[in-house]
Amino acid sequence: MSHFPMYLTAKSNSTPNEGTGAFADEAWWTAEKCEGEGHARNCTGGDGWAAQHEELKQRAKSANPHAGISPAANADLEPIFYEYGVDIYWAGHIHFYNRFDGPIFKGKVISKGTVNPKGTIHSCTGNGGPPSPSKCTCAEAGECTKCIAGPYSYTRFTAFNATDILWEQISNKDNSVVDSWTLHQESHGKFPTPAW
């Protein structure tokens, strides 16, 4: 678990044509800006963050455009996750719920499904807080399974045994289940490192 997600799909309200896809850097910086301003409903990031936005635009033009929300953290953590077989990386910060149907490595969903995945599955569960200043979107990324901005919700995580866990996203409003999935992992330990 961590506060900051490594991967998510989002679109920044301040720059609606940028920051789309599995590495929504613009949305990350917008959330940072709005968090500092107390999460005003009309916050869009905007002024004061131009330098970070410009840095992200330059990175997107580099040889590795999918460097992640925090390239240094991704470069340090992802090899550890694969070396020690970390099944799920669970974070918040961005105020919506977002998950991928399969493990991710260096910005790519390497396989679909949650039955014996050969890598770490990423999920962001931050929509228990104020409205997000970023738009929740899956359609353009193509690799996102679910993105929910509302209703506000929380995660219920049930470990049944050594092989199966149930993840349920529960509505704050009426306790209904807005998303549910199971991770089944029969072989714990090191994941094979993808070849790219």
Protein backbone atom coordinates (compact mmCIF):
# COMPACT_ATOMS: atom_id res chain seq x y z
CA MET A 1 0.00 0.00 0.00
CA SER A 2 1.01 3.57 -0.62
CA HIS A 3 -0.58 6.98 -0.83
CA PHE A 4 0.56 7.63 -4.40
CA PRO A 5 -0.48 5.45 -7.36
CA MET A 6 2.16 4.35 -9.84
CA TYR A 7 -0.34 3.91 -12.68
CA LEU A 8 -3.83 5.21 -13.32
CA THR A 9 -6.07 6.48 -16.08
CA ALA A 10 -7.24 10.05 -15.84
CA LYS A 11 -7.59 13.33 -17.63
CA SER A 12 -6.65 16.63 -16.04
CA ASN A 13 -9.46 19.21 -15.99
CA SER A 14 -6.90 21.99 -16.40
CA THR A 15 -5.47 20.55 -19.64
CA PRO A 16 -8.23 18.31 -21.00
CA ASN A 17 -6.29 17.17 -24.07
CA GLU A 18 -3.24 16.03 -22.16
CA GLY A 19 -2.44 13.50 -19.47
CA THR A 20 -4.70 10.79 -20.81
CA GLY A 21 -3.90 7.12 -20.54
CA ALA A 22 -2.23 4.81 -18.09
CA PHE A 23 0.28 7.45 -17.03
CA ALA A 24 -1.83 10.47 -16.29
CA ASP A 25 0.91 12.75 -14.98
CA GLU A 26 -1.15 15.89 -15.54
CA ALA A 27 -3.91 14.49 -13.32
CA TRP A 28 -1.37 13.70 -10.62
CA TRP A 29 -0.04 17.25 -10.56
CA THR A 30 -3.57 18.68 -10.66
CA ALA A 31 -4.48 16.60 -7.61
CA GLU A 32 -1.36 17.87 -5.84
CA LYS A 33 -2.29 21.48 -6.56
CA CYS A 34 -5.91 21.07 -5.47
CA GLU A 35 -4.99 19.14 -2.34
CA GLY A 36 -2.91 22.14 -1.26
CA GLU A 37 -5.90 24.41 -1.84
CA GLY A 38 -8.29 22.37 0.29
CA HIS A 39 -10.05 20.55 -2.57
CA ALA A 40 -12.27 23.38 -3.73
CA ARG A 41 -14.94 21.98 -6.05
CA ASN A 42 -13.84 24.31 -8.85
CA CYS A 43 -10.09 23.59 -8.56
CA THR A 44 -8.43 22.80 -11.89
CA GLY A 45 -4.75 23.02 -11.01
CA GLY A 46 -3.79 25.84 -13.33
CA ASP A 47 -1.32 28.58 -12.36
CA GLY A 48 1.79 27.75 -10.43
CA TRP A 49 2.23 24.29 -11.89
CA ALA A 50 3.36 25.22 -15.39
CA ALA A 51 6.95 24.05 -14.78
CA GLN A 52 5.84 20.59 -13.72
CA HIS A 53 3.44 20.38 -16.67
CA GLU A 54 6.22 21.37 -19.05
CA GLU A 55 8.55 18.75 -17.56
CA LEU A 56 5.86 16.10 -18.10
CA LYS A 57 5.30 17.18 -21.70
CA GLN A 58 9.03 16.84 -22.36
CA ARG A 59 9.10 13.41 -20.75
CA ALA A 60 6.20 12.34 -22.98
CA LYS A 61 8.39 13.15 -26.01
CA SER A 62 11.32 11.13 -24.66
CA ALA A 63 12.27 7.57 -25.54
CA ASN A 64 10.28 6.30 -22.56
CA PRO A 65 7.01 8.28 -22.56
CA HIS A 66 5.40 5.87 -20.07
CA ALA A 67 7.80 6.54 -17.23
CA GLY A 68 4.99 6.55 -14.72
CA ILE A 69 3.62 9.07 -12.29
CA SER A 70 6.90 9.15 -10.41
CA PRO A 71 9.64 7.79 -12.66
CA ALA A 72 12.17 7.50 -9.84
CA ALA A 73 9.73 5.61 -7.61
CA ASN A 74 8.61 3.34 -10.46
CA ALA A 75 12.19 2.54 -11.41
CA ASP A 76 13.03 1.67 -7.80
CA LEU A 77 9.86 -0.15 -6.78
CA GLU A 78 8.78 -2.11 -9.84
CA PRO A 79 11.84 -4.43 -9.91
CA ILE A 80 11.31 -5.12 -6.19
CA PHE A 81 7.65 -5.97 -6.79
CA TYR A 82 8.62 -8.49 -9.46
CA GLU A 83 11.56 -9.90 -7.51
CA TYR A 84 9.39 -10.63 -4.47
CA GLY A 85 6.07 -11.41 -6.18
CA VAL A 86 3.98 -8.46 -4.94
CA ASP A 87 0.46 -9.31 -6.06
CA ILE A 88 -1.25 -5.92 -5.62
CA TYR A 89 -0.07 -2.32 -5.38
CA TRP A 90 -2.91 -0.41 -3.75
CA ALA A 91 -2.87 3.39 -3.52
CA GLY A 92 -5.05 6.49 -3.28
CA HIS A 93 -4.32 10.21 -3.72
CA ILE A 94 -6.34 10.67 -6.92
CA HIS A 95 -9.94 10.98 -5.77
CA PHE A 96 -11.56 8.24 -7.78
CA TYR A 97 -11.46 4.46 -7.99
CA ASN A 98 -9.39 3.00 -10.82
CA ARG A 99 -8.21 -0.53 -11.53
CA PHE A 100 -6.59 -2.51 -14.31
CA ASP A 101 -7.58 -6.01 -15.40
CA GLY A 102 -4.15 -7.54 -15.22
CA PRO A 103 -0.59 -6.86 -14.12
CA ILE A 104 1.43 -3.89 -15.33
CA PHE A 105 5.15 -3.67 -16.05
CA LYS A 106 6.88 -0.51 -17.31
CA GLY A 107 3.60 0.98 -18.37
CA LYS A 108 2.04 -1.94 -20.17
CA VAL A 109 -0.68 -4.31 -19.08
CA ILE A 110 1.24 -7.53 -19.73
CA SER A 111 -1.73 -9.91 -19.54
CA LYS A 112 -5.45 -9.80 -18.89
CA GLY A 113 -7.17 -11.26 -15.85
CA THR A 114 -6.59 -11.83 -12.17
CA VAL A 115 -6.20 -15.61 -12.10
CA ASN A 116 -2.54 -16.51 -11.48
CA PRO A 117 -1.23 -13.21 -12.89
CA LYS A 118 2.50 -13.06 -13.57
CA GLY A 119 2.95 -9.56 -12.20
CA THR A 120 1.64 -6.80 -9.96
CA ILE A 121 -1.93 -5.53 -10.35
CA HIS A 122 -2.41 -1.81 -9.66
CA SER A 123 -5.47 -0.20 -8.13
CA CYS A 124 -6.23 3.34 -6.97
CA THR A 125 -8.97 3.66 -4.37
CA GLY A 126 -9.17 7.33 -3.50
CA ASN A 127 -12.79 8.29 -4.03
CA GLY A 128 -13.70 8.28 -0.37
CA GLY A 129 -12.58 11.91 -0.30
CA PRO A 130 -13.69 15.17 -1.94
CA PRO A 131 -14.47 15.30 -5.68
CA SER A 132 -11.47 14.80 -7.93
CA PRO A 133 -10.12 17.72 -9.93
CA SER A 134 -9.37 15.19 -12.69
CA LYS A 135 -11.73 13.32 -14.98
CA CYS A 136 -12.09 9.60 -14.52
CA THR A 137 -11.74 7.85 -17.86
CA CYS A 138 -11.07 4.37 -19.19
CA ALA A 139 -12.19 4.62 -22.79
CA GLU A 140 -9.07 6.20 -24.24
CA ALA A 141 -6.54 4.06 -22.41
CA GLY A 142 -7.99 0.74 -23.55
CA GLU A 143 -6.25 -1.11 -20.72
CA CYS A 144 -8.29 0.22 -17.82
CA THR A 145 -11.04 -2.03 -16.51
CA LYS A 146 -12.93 0.30 -14.22
CA CYS A 147 -12.86 3.99 -13.34
CA ILE A 148 -15.46 5.37 -10.92
CA ALA A 149 -15.68 9.00 -9.84
CA GLY A 150 -19.03 8.53 -8.08
CA PRO A 151 -20.54 7.42 -5.90
CA TYR A 152 -18.01 8.00 -3.17
CA SER A 153 -16.85 4.61 -2.02
CA TYR A 154 -14.43 2.62 0.10
CA THR A 155 -12.65 -0.70 -0.33
CA ARG A 156 -13.51 -3.91 1.47
CA PHE A 157 -10.66 -6.39 1.11
CA THR A 158 -11.25 -10.01 2.21
CA ALA A 159 -8.43 -12.58 2.33
CA PHE A 160 -10.06 -16.02 2.29
CA ASN A 161 -6.92 -18.14 2.30
CA ALA A 162 -3.40 -18.28 0.85
CA THR A 163 -4.68 -18.21 -2.75
CA ASP A 164 -7.80 -16.02 -2.89
CA ILE A 165 -8.67 -12.45 -1.98
CA LEU A 166 -11.86 -10.59 -2.76
CA TRP A 167 -11.77 -6.87 -3.52
CA GLU A 168 -15.09 -5.02 -3.24
CA GLN A 169 -15.63 -1.31 -3.81
CA ILE A 170 -18.57 -0.25 -1.62
CA SER A 171 -20.78 2.81 -2.11
CA ASN A 172 -20.79 5.18 0.87
CA LYS A 173 -24.36 6.17 0.00
CA ASP A 174 -26.15 2.82 0.18
CA ASN A 175 -23.50 0.13 0.85
CA SER A 176 -24.01 -1.38 -2.60
CA VAL A 177 -21.07 -3.07 -4.33
CA VAL A 178 -19.97 -0.84 -7.24
CA ASP A 179 -17.09 -3.10 -8.29
CA SER A 180 -15.90 -6.56 -7.29
CA TRP A 181 -13.05 -8.78 -8.38
CA THR A 182 -11.05 -11.71 -7.06
CA LEU A 183 -7.33 -12.31 -7.19
CA HIS A 184 -6.48 -15.99 -7.34
CA GLN A 185 -2.74 -16.74 -7.03
CA GLU A 186 -1.61 -20.35 -6.66
CA SER A 187 2.11 -19.73 -6.99
CA HIS A 188 3.59 -17.07 -4.71
CA GLY A 189 7.09 -15.78 -5.30
CA LYS A 190 9.17 -14.11 -7.95
CA PHE A 191 7.43 -13.04 -11.18
CA PRO A 192 9.21 -13.45 -14.50
CA THR A 193 10.47 -10.10 -15.77
CA PRO A 194 8.90 -9.24 -19.14
CA ALA A 195 11.40 -8.96 -21.96
CA TRP A 196 11.01 -5.26 -22.80
